[in-house]
Amino acid sequence: MQTVYLLKNCYKSYAALKKLYKYPDLSTNIIIVDNNQARILYLDKRVKKFPFIINTSPTSLGLIPKISKVLPL
């Protein structure tokens, strides 16, 4: 299972969403965040830029678990 975080109104995130739409995978979760939520995610030092992917499911608040790896998409 993997989770993809996309930033709202971002060109790179839009291109990633089109790519995910063309080649769907049922094990992929997609989370679209706005600027306020992105600021909270940027507090995590593993997040450098959007879009990014984690290898686990997120917490109930949408945050990144400590055990997961953050990879650029």
PDB file of N, CA and C in Angstrom:
ATOM      1  N   MET A   1       0.848  -1.173   0.000  1.00  0.00           N
ATOM      2  CA  MET A   1       0.000   0.000   0.000  1.00  0.00           C
ATOM      3  C   MET A   1       0.891   1.232   0.000  1.00  0.00           C
ATOM      4  N   GLN A   2       0.472   2.224  -0.741  1.00  0.00           N
ATOM      5  CA  GLN A   2       1.193   3.482  -0.795  1.00  0.00           C
ATOM      6  C   GLN A   2       0.208   4.643  -0.797  1.00  0.00           C
ATOM      7  N   THR A   3       0.689   5.787  -0.364  1.00  0.00           N
ATOM      8  CA  THR A   3      -0.140   6.980  -0.306  1.00  0.00           C
ATOM      9  C   THR A   3       0.586   8.109  -1.025  1.00  0.00           C
ATOM     10  N   VAL A   4      -0.125   8.792  -1.899  1.00  0.00           N
ATOM     11  CA  VAL A   4       0.426   9.907  -2.655  1.00  0.00           C
ATOM     12  C   VAL A   4      -0.194  11.190  -2.128  1.00  0.00           C
ATOM     13  N   TYR A   5       0.644  12.152  -1.772  1.00  0.00           N
ATOM     14  CA  TYR A   5       0.188  13.471  -1.324  1.00  0.00           C
ATOM     15  C   TYR A   5       0.345  14.453  -2.472  1.00  0.00           C
ATOM     16  N   LEU A   6      -0.732  15.122  -2.835  1.00  0.00           N
ATOM     17  CA  LEU A   6      -0.733  16.107  -3.914  1.00  0.00           C
ATOM     18  C   LEU A   6      -1.123  17.462  -3.348  1.00  0.00           C
ATOM     19  N   LEU A   7      -0.506  18.515  -3.853  1.00  0.00           N
ATOM     20  CA  LEU A   7      -0.803  19.875  -3.420  1.00  0.00           C
ATOM     21  C   LEU A   7      -1.810  20.494  -4.377  1.00  0.00           C
ATOM     22  N   LYS A   8      -2.850  21.087  -3.816  1.00  0.00           N
ATOM     23  CA  LYS A   8      -3.896  21.719  -4.614  1.00  0.00           C
ATOM     24  C   LYS A   8      -3.317  22.929  -5.351  1.00  0.00           C
ATOM     25  N   ASN A   9      -3.731  23.118  -6.611  1.00  0.00           N
ATOM     26  CA  ASN A   9      -3.302  24.232  -7.473  1.00  0.00           C
ATOM     27  C   ASN A   9      -1.792  24.221  -7.739  1.00  0.00           C
ATOM     28  N   CYS A  10      -1.214  23.035  -7.874  1.00  0.00           N
ATOM     29  CA  CYS A  10       0.205  22.894  -8.180  1.00  0.00           C
ATOM     30  C   CYS A  10       0.336  22.138  -9.499  1.00  0.00           C
ATOM     31  N   TYR A  11       1.137  22.669 -10.402  1.00  0.00           N
ATOM     32  CA  TYR A  11       1.263  22.066 -11.730  1.00  0.00           C
ATOM     33  C   TYR A  11       1.852  20.656 -11.662  1.00  0.00           C
ATOM     34  N   LYS A  12       2.889  20.453 -10.845  1.00  0.00           N
ATOM     35  CA  LYS A  12       3.510  19.134 -10.736  1.00  0.00           C
ATOM     36  C   LYS A  12       2.544  18.116 -10.144  1.00  0.00           C
ATOM     37  N   SER A  13       1.747  18.536  -9.184  1.00  0.00           N
ATOM     38  CA  SER A  13       0.762  17.635  -8.597  1.00  0.00           C
ATOM     39  C   SER A  13      -0.322  17.285  -9.609  1.00  0.00           C
ATOM     40  N   TYR A  14      -0.693  18.245 -10.441  1.00  0.00           N
ATOM     41  CA  TYR A  14      -1.696  17.985 -11.472  1.00  0.00           C
ATOM     42  C   TYR A  14      -1.164  16.970 -12.486  1.00  0.00           C
ATOM     43  N   ALA A  15       0.095  17.117 -12.862  1.00  0.00           N
ATOM     44  CA  ALA A  15       0.695  16.170 -13.805  1.00  0.00           C
ATOM     45  C   ALA A  15       0.776  14.768 -13.186  1.00  0.00           C
ATOM     46  N   ALA A  16       1.082  14.694 -11.896  1.00  0.00           N
ATOM     47  CA  ALA A  16       1.130  13.397 -11.220  1.00  0.00           C
ATOM     48  C   ALA A  16      -0.255  12.772 -11.139  1.00  0.00           C
ATOM     49  N   LEU A  17      -1.277  13.591 -10.929  1.00  0.00           N
ATOM     50  CA  LEU A  17      -2.649  13.081 -10.876  1.00  0.00           C
ATOM     51  C   LEU A  17      -3.083  12.532 -12.231  1.00  0.00           C
ATOM     52  N   LYS A  18      -2.696  13.201 -13.314  1.00  0.00           N
ATOM     53  CA  LYS A  18      -3.001  12.694 -14.648  1.00  0.00           C
ATOM     54  C   LYS A  18      -2.301  11.360 -14.895  1.00  0.00           C
ATOM     55  N   LYS A  19      -1.070  11.236 -14.420  1.00  0.00           N
ATOM     56  CA  LYS A  19      -0.334   9.985 -14.576  1.00  0.00           C
ATOM     57  C   LYS A  19      -0.978   8.861 -13.774  1.00  0.00           C
ATOM     58  N   LEU A  20      -1.435   9.174 -12.564  1.00  0.00           N
ATOM     59  CA  LEU A  20      -2.115   8.171 -11.741  1.00  0.00           C
ATOM     60  C   LEU A  20      -3.456   7.781 -12.352  1.00  0.00           C
ATOM     61  N   TYR A  21      -4.085   8.711 -13.041  1.00  0.00           N
ATOM     62  CA  TYR A  21      -5.355   8.424 -13.694  1.00  0.00           C
ATOM     63  C   TYR A  21      -5.163   7.501 -14.897  1.00  0.00           C
ATOM     64  N   LYS A  22      -4.070   7.701 -15.624  1.00  0.00           N
ATOM     65  CA  LYS A  22      -3.805   6.868 -16.790  1.00  0.00           C
ATOM     66  C   LYS A  22      -3.444   5.441 -16.403  1.00  0.00           C
ATOM     67  N   TYR A  23      -2.676   5.286 -15.336  1.00  0.00           N
ATOM     68  CA  TYR A  23      -2.215   3.972 -14.891  1.00  0.00           C
ATOM     69  C   TYR A  23      -2.683   3.733 -13.455  1.00  0.00           C
ATOM     70  N   PRO A  24      -3.953   3.388 -13.270  1.00  0.00           N
ATOM     71  CA  PRO A  24      -4.492   3.251 -11.911  1.00  0.00           C
ATOM     72  C   PRO A  24      -3.955   2.011 -11.200  1.00  0.00           C
ATOM     73  N   ASP A  25      -3.922   2.109  -9.869  1.00  0.00           N
ATOM     74  CA  ASP A  25      -3.523   1.012  -9.011  1.00  0.00           C
ATOM     75  C   ASP A  25      -4.428   1.049  -7.788  1.00  0.00           C
ATOM     76  N   LEU A  26      -5.072  -0.061  -7.495  1.00  0.00           N
ATOM     77  CA  LEU A  26      -6.031  -0.086  -6.391  1.00  0.00           C
ATOM     78  C   LEU A  26      -5.382   0.061  -5.026  1.00  0.00           C
ATOM     79  N   SER A  27      -4.083  -0.187  -4.924  1.00  0.00           N
ATOM     80  CA  SER A  27      -3.425  -0.087  -3.625  1.00  0.00           C
ATOM     81  C   SER A  27      -2.895   1.315  -3.342  1.00  0.00           C
ATOM     82  N   THR A  28      -3.191   2.283  -4.191  1.00  0.00           N
ATOM     83  CA  THR A  28      -2.705   3.647  -4.016  1.00  0.00           C
ATOM     84  C   THR A  28      -3.799   4.540  -3.442  1.00  0.00           C
ATOM     85  N   ASN A  29      -3.485   5.197  -2.329  1.00  0.00           N
ATOM     86  CA  ASN A  29      -4.365   6.219  -1.759  1.00  0.00           C
ATOM     87  C   ASN A  29      -3.874   7.575  -2.223  1.00  0.00           C
ATOM     88  N   ILE A  30      -4.800   8.472  -2.537  1.00  0.00           N
ATOM     89  CA  ILE A  30      -4.448   9.818  -2.983  1.00  0.00           C
ATOM     90  C   ILE A  30      -5.013  10.811  -1.983  1.00  0.00           C
ATOM     91  N   ILE A  31      -4.143  11.682  -1.475  1.00  0.00           N
ATOM     92  CA  ILE A  31      -4.558  12.730  -0.546  1.00  0.00           C
ATOM     93  C   ILE A  31      -4.189  14.064  -1.162  1.00  0.00           C
ATOM     94  N   ILE A  32      -5.183  14.933  -1.330  1.00  0.00           N
ATOM     95  CA  ILE A  32      -4.967  16.269  -1.872  1.00  0.00           C
ATOM     96  C   ILE A  32      -5.045  17.258  -0.720  1.00  0.00           C
ATOM     97  N   VAL A  33      -3.979  18.042  -0.548  1.00  0.00           N
ATOM     98  CA  VAL A  33      -3.905  18.981   0.570  1.00  0.00           C
ATOM     99  C   VAL A  33      -3.875  20.406   0.038  1.00  0.00           C
ATOM    100  N   ASP A  34      -4.339  21.340   0.863  1.00  0.00           N
ATOM    101  CA  ASP A  34      -4.259  22.746   0.502  1.00  0.00           C
ATOM    102  C   ASP A  34      -3.021  23.361   1.166  1.00  0.00           C
ATOM    103  N   ASN A  35      -2.852  24.668   1.040  1.00  0.00           N
ATOM    104  CA  ASN A  35      -1.647  25.319   1.550  1.00  0.00           C
ATOM    105  C   ASN A  35      -1.529  25.241   3.067  1.00  0.00           C
ATOM    106  N   ASN A  36      -2.647  25.323   3.778  1.00  0.00           N
ATOM    107  CA  ASN A  36      -2.586  25.243   5.239  1.00  0.00           C
ATOM    108  C   ASN A  36      -2.128  23.866   5.704  1.00  0.00           C
ATOM    109  N   GLN A  37      -2.659  22.827   5.107  1.00  0.00           N
ATOM    110  CA  GLN A  37      -2.233  21.477   5.455  1.00  0.00           C
ATOM    111  C   GLN A  37      -0.802  21.223   5.005  1.00  0.00           C
ATOM    112  N   ALA A  38      -0.391  21.835   3.893  1.00  0.00           N
ATOM    113  CA  ALA A  38       0.978  21.663   3.408  1.00  0.00           C
ATOM    114  C   ALA A  38       1.977  22.263   4.382  1.00  0.00           C
ATOM    115  N   ARG A  39       1.646  23.388   4.995  1.00  0.00           N
ATOM    116  CA  ARG A  39       2.541  23.984   5.991  1.00  0.00           C
ATOM    117  C   ARG A  39       2.759  23.053   7.173  1.00  0.00           C
ATOM    118  N   ILE A  40       1.715  22.352   7.569  1.00  0.00           N
ATOM    119  CA  ILE A  40       1.845  21.392   8.661  1.00  0.00           C
ATOM    120  C   ILE A  40       2.729  20.221   8.241  1.00  0.00           C
ATOM    121  N   LEU A  41       2.550  19.748   7.009  1.00  0.00           N
ATOM    122  CA  LEU A  41       3.375  18.641   6.537  1.00  0.00           C
ATOM    123  C   LEU A  41       4.829  19.050   6.344  1.00  0.00           C
ATOM    124  N   TYR A  42       5.087  20.303   5.981  1.00  0.00           N
ATOM    125  CA  TYR A  42       6.463  20.780   5.818  1.00  0.00           C
ATOM    126  C   TYR A  42       7.211  20.829   7.148  1.00  0.00           C
ATOM    127  N   LEU A  43       6.513  20.807   8.268  1.00  0.00           N
ATOM    128  CA  LEU A  43       7.190  20.765   9.563  1.00  0.00           C
ATOM    129  C   LEU A  43       7.953  19.461   9.755  1.00  0.00           C
ATOM    130  N   ASP A  44       7.517  18.422   9.071  1.00  0.00           N
ATOM    131  CA  ASP A  44       8.241  17.155   9.072  1.00  0.00           C
ATOM    132  C   ASP A  44       9.459  17.316   8.168  1.00  0.00           C
ATOM    133  N   LYS A  45      10.647  17.068   8.676  1.00  0.00           N
ATOM    134  CA  LYS A  45      11.882  17.310   7.923  1.00  0.00           C
ATOM    135  C   LYS A  45      12.038  16.383   6.719  1.00  0.00           C
ATOM    136  N   ARG A  46      11.278  15.310   6.645  1.00  0.00           N
ATOM    137  CA  ARG A  46      11.380  14.395   5.520  1.00  0.00           C
ATOM    138  C   ARG A  46      10.678  14.925   4.286  1.00  0.00           C
ATOM    139  N   VAL A  47       9.765  15.848   4.447  1.00  0.00           N
ATOM    140  CA  VAL A  47       9.003  16.412   3.320  1.00  0.00           C
ATOM    141  C   VAL A  47       9.776  17.599   2.762  1.00  0.00           C
ATOM    142  N   LYS A  48      10.200  17.474   1.506  1.00  0.00           N
ATOM    143  CA  LYS A  48      10.953  18.545   0.850  1.00  0.00           C
ATOM    144  C   LYS A  48      10.101  19.307  -0.147  1.00  0.00           C
ATOM    145  N   LYS A  49       9.292  18.576  -0.948  1.00  0.00           N
ATOM    146  CA  LYS A  49       8.462  19.217  -1.964  1.00  0.00           C
ATOM    147  C   LYS A  49       7.305  18.296  -2.303  1.00  0.00           C
ATOM    148  N   PHE A  50       6.316  18.856  -2.957  1.00  0.00           N
ATOM    149  CA  PHE A  50       5.145  18.102  -3.407  1.00  0.00           C
ATOM    150  C   PHE A  50       5.294  17.799  -4.888  1.00  0.00           C
ATOM    151  N   PRO A  51       4.754  16.762  -5.417  1.00  0.00           N
ATOM    152  CA  PRO A  51       4.085  15.634  -4.777  1.00  0.00           C
ATOM    153  C   PRO A  51       5.107  14.662  -4.201  1.00  0.00           C
ATOM    154  N   PHE A  52       4.693  13.925  -3.178  1.00  0.00           N
ATOM    155  CA  PHE A  52       5.548  12.901  -2.607  1.00  0.00           C
ATOM    156  C   PHE A  52       4.711  11.683  -2.281  1.00  0.00           C
ATOM    157  N   ILE A  53       5.403  10.599  -2.003  1.00  0.00           N
ATOM    158  CA  ILE A  53       4.745   9.317  -1.782  1.00  0.00           C
ATOM    159  C   ILE A  53       5.311   8.703  -0.508  1.00  0.00           C
ATOM    160  N   ILE A  54       4.440   8.058   0.273  1.00  0.00           N
ATOM    161  CA  ILE A  54       4.893   7.300   1.433  1.00  0.00           C
ATOM    162  C   ILE A  54       4.497   5.848   1.227  1.00  0.00           C
ATOM    163  N   ASN A  55       5.197   4.959   1.892  1.00  0.00           N
ATOM    164  CA  ASN A  55       4.998   3.535   1.653  1.00  0.00           C
ATOM    165  C   ASN A  55       3.987   2.895   2.595  1.00  0.00           C
ATOM    166  N   THR A  56       3.306   3.668   3.413  1.00  0.00           N
ATOM    167  CA  THR A  56       2.290   3.142   4.326  1.00  0.00           C
ATOM    168  C   THR A  56       1.037   4.000   4.237  1.00  0.00           C
ATOM    169  N   SER A  57       0.032   3.627   4.976  1.00  0.00           N
ATOM    170  CA  SER A  57      -1.152   4.483   5.045  1.00  0.00           C
ATOM    171  C   SER A  57      -0.913   5.580   6.082  1.00  0.00           C
ATOM    172  N   PRO A  58      -1.522   6.750   5.919  1.00  0.00           N
ATOM    173  CA  PRO A  58      -1.302   7.849   6.860  1.00  0.00           C
ATOM    174  C   PRO A  58      -2.040   7.615   8.171  1.00  0.00           C
ATOM    175  N   THR A  59      -1.759   8.476   9.137  1.00  0.00           N
ATOM    176  CA  THR A  59      -2.468   8.421  10.409  1.00  0.00           C
ATOM    177  C   THR A  59      -3.890   8.934  10.198  1.00  0.00           C
ATOM    178  N   SER A  60      -4.703   8.870  11.232  1.00  0.00           N
ATOM    179  CA  SER A  60      -6.091   9.306  11.109  1.00  0.00           C
ATOM    180  C   SER A  60      -6.211  10.808  10.840  1.00  0.00           C
ATOM    181  N   LEU A  61      -5.189  11.581  11.176  1.00  0.00           N
ATOM    182  CA  LEU A  61      -5.198  13.022  10.919  1.00  0.00           C
ATOM    183  C   LEU A  61      -4.599  13.385   9.569  1.00  0.00           C
ATOM    184  N   GLY A  62      -4.091  12.386   8.839  1.00  0.00           N
ATOM    185  CA  GLY A  62      -3.481  12.644   7.549  1.00  0.00           C
ATOM    186  C   GLY A  62      -1.998  12.922   7.628  1.00  0.00           C
ATOM    187  N   LEU A  63      -1.409  12.744   8.803  1.00  0.00           N
ATOM    188  CA  LEU A  63       0.017  12.990   8.962  1.00  0.00           C
ATOM    189  C   LEU A  63       0.822  11.756   8.591  1.00  0.00           C
ATOM    190  N   ILE A  64       2.127  11.921   8.509  1.00  0.00           N
ATOM    191  CA  ILE A  64       3.014  10.848   8.088  1.00  0.00           C
ATOM    192  C   ILE A  64       3.500  10.090   9.320  1.00  0.00           C
ATOM    193  N   PRO A  65       3.326   8.762   9.354  1.00  0.00           N
ATOM    194  CA  PRO A  65       3.833   7.989  10.494  1.00  0.00           C
ATOM    195  C   PRO A  65       5.363   8.022  10.557  1.00  0.00           C
ATOM    196  N   LYS A  66       5.913   7.839  11.752  1.00  0.00           N
ATOM    197  CA  LYS A  66       7.359   7.892  11.927  1.00  0.00           C
ATOM    198  C   LYS A  66       8.081   6.752  11.223  1.00  0.00           C
ATOM    199  N   ILE A  67       7.414   5.624  11.043  1.00  0.00           N
ATOM    200  CA  ILE A  67       8.079   4.462  10.467  1.00  0.00           C
ATOM    201  C   ILE A  67       8.109   4.475   8.945  1.00  0.00           C
ATOM    202  N   SER A  68       7.419   5.393   8.309  1.00  0.00           N
ATOM    203  CA  SER A  68       7.314   5.374   6.848  1.00  0.00           C
ATOM    204  C   SER A  68       8.445   6.164   6.204  1.00  0.00           C
ATOM    205  N   LYS A  69       8.753   5.790   4.967  1.00  0.00           N
ATOM    206  CA  LYS A  69       9.730   6.497   4.157  1.00  0.00           C
ATOM    207  C   LYS A  69       9.003   7.487   3.267  1.00  0.00           C
ATOM    208  N   VAL A  70       9.580   8.669   3.120  1.00  0.00           N
ATOM    209  CA  VAL A  70       9.016   9.711   2.247  1.00  0.00           C
ATOM    210  C   VAL A  70       9.879   9.787   1.002  1.00  0.00           C
ATOM    211  N   LEU A  71       9.256   9.544  -0.148  1.00  0.00           N
ATOM    212  CA  LEU A  71       9.963   9.532  -1.419  1.00  0.00           C
ATOM    213  C   LEU A  71       9.352  10.534  -2.376  1.00  0.00           C
ATOM    214  N   PRO A  72      10.164  11.227  -3.182  1.00  0.00           N
ATOM    215  CA  PRO A  72       9.569  12.118  -4.184  1.00  0.00           C
ATOM    216  C   PRO A  72       8.892  11.297  -5.272  1.00  0.00           C
ATOM    217  N   LEU A  73       7.884  11.843  -5.854  1.00  0.00           N
ATOM    218  CA  LEU A  73       7.142  11.121  -6.892  1.00  0.00           C
ATOM    219  C   LEU A  73       7.713  11.416  -8.248  1.00  0.00           C
TER     220      LEU A  73
END
